[in-house]
Amino acid sequence: MTDLKPGTVVVIRAFDDIPEHLFKVDTVEEDRVTGEALTGPFAGSYGEPPLDLIKSVTGKD
C-alpha cells in the first residue's frame, strides 16, 4: 500500500477473536506497521500488525 505513512489511519480486518478496528500508523516497516489502536478492545495500545491485516486506508487523524 503506497498510501501508508505516519499519521495515516487504517482499518485492521478482524482476526482471531479481535474485531475489525481503526489503527493509527506511527511507522511503516517492510512487512508491518507500528502504531496505536484507536478503537476496539485494544484501543490506546501499541501494536505491530502485519501489512496483510490492513483492510483499507481511512485517512489522516
Protein backbone atom coordinates (compact mmCIF):
# COMPACT_ATOMS: atom_id res chain seq x y z
CA MET A 1 0.00 0.00 0.00
CA THR A 2 1.61 3.19 -1.13
CA ASP A 3 -0.76 5.42 0.89
CA LEU A 4 0.78 4.34 4.17
CA LYS A 5 2.77 6.94 6.08
CA PRO A 6 2.99 8.14 9.69
CA GLY A 7 -0.32 9.59 10.85
CA THR A 8 -2.44 7.55 8.44
CA VAL A 9 -5.48 5.83 9.96
CA VAL A 10 -6.21 2.36 8.61
CA VAL A 11 -8.83 -0.31 9.16
CA ILE A 12 -7.40 -3.54 10.53
CA ARG A 13 -9.50 -6.52 9.48
CA ALA A 14 -10.91 -8.89 12.09
CA PHE A 15 -8.64 -11.77 13.10
CA ASP A 16 -8.79 -14.48 15.75
CA ASP A 17 -11.21 -13.04 18.35
CA ILE A 18 -10.31 -9.40 17.61
CA PRO A 19 -12.96 -7.38 15.74
CA GLU A 20 -12.22 -5.00 12.88
CA HIS A 21 -10.80 -1.75 14.29
CA LEU A 22 -9.10 1.55 13.46
CA PHE A 23 -5.34 1.88 13.85
CA LYS A 24 -3.11 4.99 13.61
CA VAL A 25 0.23 4.31 11.88
CA ASP A 26 3.44 5.56 13.51
CA THR A 27 5.96 3.83 11.20
CA VAL A 28 5.80 1.72 8.06
CA GLU A 29 8.16 -1.25 8.07
CA GLU A 30 8.92 -3.79 5.34
CA ASP A 31 6.25 -6.28 6.46
CA ARG A 32 4.21 -4.42 9.11
CA VAL A 33 3.17 -1.08 10.52
CA THR A 34 3.60 0.13 14.07
CA GLY A 35 1.26 2.40 15.96
CA GLU A 36 -1.76 2.61 18.20
CA ALA A 37 -5.19 1.01 18.10
CA LEU A 38 -7.85 3.74 18.12
CA THR A 39 -10.93 1.53 18.58
CA GLY A 40 -11.74 -2.00 19.67
CA PRO A 41 -10.62 -3.97 22.71
CA PHE A 42 -7.01 -2.75 22.42
CA ALA A 43 -7.84 0.97 21.99
CA GLY A 44 -4.90 3.02 23.22
CA SER A 45 -2.48 0.09 22.98
CA TYR A 46 0.68 -0.10 20.86
CA GLY A 47 0.72 -2.73 18.13
CA GLU A 48 2.63 -4.05 15.12
CA PRO A 49 0.08 -5.57 12.73
CA PRO A 50 1.35 -7.18 9.52
CA LEU A 51 0.52 -5.38 6.27
CA ASP A 52 -1.84 -8.17 5.16
CA LEU A 53 -4.23 -7.31 8.04
CA ILE A 54 -4.83 -3.81 6.64
CA LYS A 55 -8.25 -3.76 5.04
CA SER A 56 -8.31 -0.13 3.89
CA VAL A 57 -6.96 3.37 4.45
CA THR A 58 -9.41 5.81 6.02
CA GLY A 59 -7.28 8.96 6.02
CA LYS A 60 -5.31 11.02 8.48
CA ASP A 61 -6.05 11.56 12.18
